Amino acid sequence: MLVNAARSAQANSSDEDKMLGDARVASEESSSSLRVMEPRALAKGEAQRIGGRLIVTLRSGKTKVYSDRLACSRPAEETKCIRYSLVVHAKTRSSYIIAKQYYEGLEAIVVNEVSGVETIVRGIPSYSSDGRSLVVFLENDPEVGFAVEVWQKNGDRFAKVWTGSPNSDGIYVSYRLIRWISEDAFLIETKTKYGGKKPDALQEVLIVRDASGWKIAPR
């Protein structure tokens, strides 16, 4: 029974990771794609949509409501639109991930499904295997440009503990999570574009945690 439960939890977390990965790709392609994908997340979670309202249910039975701005239904005011879409109910990590989409760009709200406490990050996150760490990729962010952030569980929310910018010497960098190797190491792929000044570069980068904290591992 314990083996079956462990396998079920692993399968469910893999499904959650896939939904998060699909959402990251969709958010890069079109701002409307996440709303199109939402029915799959609603079907697997304890949430519902009623018109412009997304309603998520906490373990206590209480609900949190996220309402689209009325401007979203008025073409002349589309720049003021803020729209909420459920990305995944990550039950194995006791949280909901909700995309808060602006006219340009988005944030992700990580909702603790026990307490309802929120953590806001500036991109669709990826969980570590035990759910106690998050990785967030920032690409062309207005504040920091291109960076990788690591967030760690701190009580009911997550706190940012590290920011680094591997291979960010070009004019544009994109990041992709390859896999978590352990709770203290993950491997990413970076694609650096140089605008024709030299060939684009595709590299793997290992990010690790030691006694001093997180860092980019030397090659």
Protein backbone atom coordinates (compact mmCIF):
# COMPACT_ATOMS: atom_id res chain seq x y z
CA MET A 1 0.00 0.00 0.00
CA LEU A 2 2.81 2.42 0.89
CA VAL A 3 4.60 1.63 -2.37
CA ASN A 4 1.43 2.24 -4.38
CA ALA A 5 0.82 5.54 -2.56
CA ALA A 6 4.38 6.67 -3.28
CA ARG A 7 4.03 5.77 -6.96
CA SER A 8 0.72 7.63 -7.14
CA ALA A 9 2.25 10.73 -5.54
CA GLN A 10 5.18 10.59 -7.95
CA ALA A 11 2.86 10.26 -10.93
CA ASN A 12 0.72 13.16 -9.72
CA SER A 13 3.73 15.42 -9.18
CA SER A 14 4.95 14.53 -12.67
CA ASP A 15 1.56 15.58 -14.06
CA GLU A 16 1.81 18.86 -12.12
CA ASP A 17 5.32 19.48 -13.45
CA LYS A 18 4.16 18.87 -17.01
CA MET A 19 1.28 21.32 -16.64
CA LEU A 20 3.67 23.95 -15.29
CA GLY A 21 6.09 23.32 -18.16
CA ASP A 22 3.30 23.57 -20.73
CA ALA A 23 2.13 26.81 -19.11
CA ARG A 24 5.61 28.35 -19.32
CA VAL A 25 5.78 27.58 -23.04
CA ALA A 26 2.24 28.87 -23.60
CA SER A 27 2.90 32.12 -21.74
CA GLU A 28 5.83 32.84 -24.05
CA GLU A 29 3.75 32.24 -27.16
CA SER A 30 0.52 34.11 -26.43
CA SER A 31 -1.07 35.91 -23.50
CA SER A 32 -4.39 34.19 -24.23
CA SER A 33 -2.99 30.66 -24.24
CA LEU A 34 -3.12 30.21 -20.47
CA ARG A 35 -6.88 30.87 -20.36
CA VAL A 36 -7.35 28.37 -23.19
CA MET A 37 -5.42 25.77 -21.17
CA GLU A 38 -7.28 26.47 -17.93
CA PRO A 39 -10.08 23.87 -18.31
CA ARG A 40 -7.50 21.08 -17.94
CA ALA A 41 -6.30 22.59 -14.66
CA LEU A 42 -9.88 23.10 -13.42
CA ALA A 43 -10.74 19.48 -14.19
CA LYS A 44 -7.88 18.26 -11.98
CA GLY A 45 -8.26 20.72 -9.09
CA GLU A 46 -10.58 22.04 -6.43
CA ALA A 47 -11.41 25.24 -8.27
CA GLN A 48 -14.07 26.60 -10.56
CA ARG A 49 -14.64 29.46 -12.95
CA ILE A 50 -17.82 31.52 -12.99
CA GLY A 51 -17.54 34.09 -15.76
CA GLY A 52 -14.66 36.42 -14.92
CA ARG A 53 -14.17 34.96 -11.43
CA LEU A 54 -11.75 32.17 -10.54
CA ILE A 55 -12.69 30.53 -7.23
CA VAL A 56 -10.24 28.22 -5.43
CA THR A 57 -11.17 26.14 -2.40
CA LEU A 58 -8.77 25.77 0.53
CA ARG A 59 -8.58 22.63 2.65
CA SER A 60 -10.66 24.35 5.32
CA GLY A 61 -13.49 24.76 2.84
CA LYS A 62 -12.99 28.52 2.66
CA THR A 63 -12.61 30.05 -0.78
CA LYS A 64 -10.43 32.71 -2.39
CA VAL A 65 -11.79 34.62 -5.37
CA TYR A 66 -9.72 36.16 -8.15
CA SER A 67 -11.75 38.46 -10.39
CA ASP A 68 -10.73 39.73 -13.82
CA ARG A 69 -10.86 43.49 -14.19
CA LEU A 70 -13.88 44.83 -16.05
CA ALA A 71 -11.45 46.48 -18.46
CA CYS A 72 -10.75 43.03 -19.93
CA SER A 73 -14.18 43.10 -21.56
CA ARG A 74 -13.71 46.59 -23.00
CA PRO A 75 -11.44 46.70 -26.06
CA ALA A 76 -10.76 50.42 -25.58
CA GLU A 77 -9.33 49.71 -22.10
CA GLU A 78 -7.36 46.54 -22.85
CA THR A 79 -4.12 48.04 -21.53
CA LYS A 80 -5.72 48.08 -18.06
CA CYS A 81 -6.77 44.43 -18.23
CA ILE A 82 -5.69 42.03 -15.49
CA ARG A 83 -6.81 38.44 -15.98
CA TYR A 84 -6.42 35.45 -13.64
CA SER A 85 -6.05 31.88 -14.92
CA LEU A 86 -5.53 28.67 -12.96
CA VAL A 87 -2.32 26.98 -14.07
CA VAL A 88 -2.40 23.95 -11.78
CA HIS A 89 -3.71 22.75 -8.45
CA ALA A 90 -0.47 21.16 -7.25
CA LYS A 91 -2.01 18.86 -4.66
CA THR A 92 1.24 17.03 -3.90
CA ARG A 93 2.77 20.43 -3.07
CA SER A 94 -0.32 21.72 -1.22
CA SER A 95 -0.67 24.76 -3.44
CA TYR A 96 -2.41 26.43 -6.34
CA ILE A 97 -0.49 28.24 -9.07
CA ILE A 98 -2.47 31.10 -10.59
CA ALA A 99 -1.28 33.26 -13.48
CA LYS A 100 -1.96 36.97 -13.07
CA GLN A 101 -1.77 38.30 -16.60
CA TYR A 102 -1.30 41.95 -17.43
CA TYR A 103 -1.59 43.61 -20.83
CA GLU A 104 2.14 42.90 -21.10
CA GLY A 105 3.76 40.28 -18.91
CA LEU A 106 2.54 38.17 -16.01
CA GLU A 107 3.12 37.18 -12.43
CA ALA A 108 2.39 33.83 -10.82
CA ILE A 109 0.61 33.58 -7.48
CA VAL A 110 1.54 30.55 -5.38
CA VAL A 111 -1.36 29.99 -2.98
CA ASN A 112 -0.85 27.76 0.07
CA GLU A 113 -3.97 25.60 -0.01
CA VAL A 114 -3.92 25.14 3.78
CA SER A 115 -3.58 28.75 4.96
CA GLY A 116 -4.39 30.70 1.79
CA VAL A 117 -1.14 32.68 2.15
CA GLU A 118 0.23 33.90 -1.19
CA THR A 119 3.69 34.21 -2.69
CA ILE A 120 4.03 36.28 -5.88
CA VAL A 121 6.81 35.47 -8.37
CA ARG A 122 7.47 37.02 -11.78
CA GLY A 123 7.11 33.91 -13.91
CA ILE A 124 5.62 30.41 -13.99
CA PRO A 125 7.71 28.47 -11.42
CA SER A 126 9.11 24.95 -11.33
CA TYR A 127 9.05 22.86 -8.14
CA SER A 128 11.86 20.78 -6.72
CA SER A 129 11.00 17.15 -6.04
CA ASP A 130 10.08 17.75 -2.39
CA GLY A 131 8.17 20.94 -3.21
CA ARG A 132 10.28 23.05 -0.86
CA SER A 133 12.10 25.02 -3.56
CA LEU A 134 10.97 26.92 -6.65
CA VAL A 135 12.92 27.97 -9.71
CA VAL A 136 11.72 31.01 -11.67
CA PHE A 137 13.16 32.14 -15.00
CA LEU A 138 13.13 35.85 -15.80
CA GLU A 139 13.51 36.71 -19.47
CA ASN A 140 13.62 40.35 -20.53
CA ASP A 141 12.32 41.36 -17.12
CA PRO A 142 12.02 45.18 -16.79
CA GLU A 143 13.85 45.16 -13.44
CA VAL A 144 16.62 42.57 -13.73
CA GLY A 145 16.73 41.60 -17.40
CA PHE A 146 17.65 37.91 -17.64
CA ALA A 147 18.02 35.85 -14.48
CA VAL A 148 17.32 32.64 -12.62
CA GLU A 149 15.73 32.87 -9.18
CA VAL A 150 15.56 30.23 -6.45
CA TRP A 151 12.82 30.50 -3.82
CA GLN A 152 12.61 28.31 -0.71
CA LYS A 153 9.76 27.39 1.59
CA ASN A 154 9.60 29.59 4.65
CA GLY A 155 6.55 28.76 6.75
CA ASP A 156 3.41 29.19 4.66
CA ARG A 157 5.12 31.09 1.84
CA PHE A 158 8.26 31.05 -0.27
CA ALA A 159 11.17 33.47 0.09
CA LYS A 160 13.69 34.36 -2.61
CA VAL A 161 17.15 33.15 -1.60
CA TRP A 162 19.23 33.49 -4.77
CA THR A 163 19.36 35.32 -8.11
CA GLY A 164 21.93 34.63 -10.83
CA SER A 165 22.34 35.45 -14.50
CA PRO A 166 24.17 32.61 -16.29
CA ASN A 167 25.29 33.30 -19.87
CA SER A 168 23.57 36.69 -20.02
CA ASP A 169 26.25 38.45 -22.10
CA GLY A 170 24.16 38.44 -25.28
CA ILE A 171 21.21 40.57 -26.31
CA TYR A 172 18.67 37.90 -25.32
CA VAL A 173 18.77 34.78 -23.14
CA SER A 174 16.16 32.06 -22.70
CA TYR A 175 16.23 29.42 -19.97
CA ARG A 176 14.82 25.91 -19.77
CA LEU A 177 14.81 23.53 -16.82
CA ILE A 178 16.25 20.17 -17.79
CA ARG A 179 15.84 18.41 -14.45
CA TRP A 180 16.37 18.53 -10.71
CA ILE A 181 19.33 16.28 -9.91
CA SER A 182 18.71 16.47 -6.16
CA GLU A 183 17.19 18.93 -3.73
CA ASP A 184 20.55 20.73 -3.84
CA ALA A 185 21.19 20.80 -7.59
CA PHE A 186 19.36 21.39 -10.85
CA LEU A 187 20.41 21.52 -14.48
CA ILE A 188 19.20 24.17 -16.92
CA GLU A 189 19.72 24.94 -20.58
CA THR A 190 20.57 28.47 -21.66
CA LYS A 191 20.23 29.83 -25.19
CA THR A 192 22.12 33.08 -25.69
CA LYS A 193 21.49 35.20 -28.77
CA TYR A 194 24.09 37.70 -29.97
CA GLY A 195 22.16 39.42 -32.75
CA GLY A 196 24.43 38.18 -35.51
CA LYS A 197 27.66 39.43 -33.90
CA LYS A 198 28.58 35.80 -33.27
CA PRO A 199 26.75 32.44 -33.36
CA ASP A 200 24.02 31.85 -30.82
CA ALA A 201 25.17 29.63 -27.96
CA LEU A 202 23.31 26.70 -26.40
CA GLN A 203 24.78 25.53 -23.09
CA GLU A 204 23.92 23.47 -20.04
CA VAL A 205 24.44 25.10 -16.66
CA LEU A 206 24.47 23.36 -13.28
CA ILE A 207 23.22 25.33 -10.29
CA VAL A 208 24.03 23.88 -6.88
CA ARG A 209 23.61 24.57 -3.18
CA ASP A 210 26.43 24.11 -0.70
CA ALA A 211 27.07 25.38 2.82
CA SER A 212 27.31 28.97 1.53
CA GLY A 213 24.08 28.84 -0.45
CA TRP A 214 23.12 28.55 -4.13
CA LYS A 215 25.61 29.26 -6.93
CA ILE A 216 26.47 28.48 -10.53
CA ALA A 217 28.78 25.47 -10.54
CA PRO A 218 32.17 26.03 -12.22
CA ARG A 219 32.62 24.28 -15.54
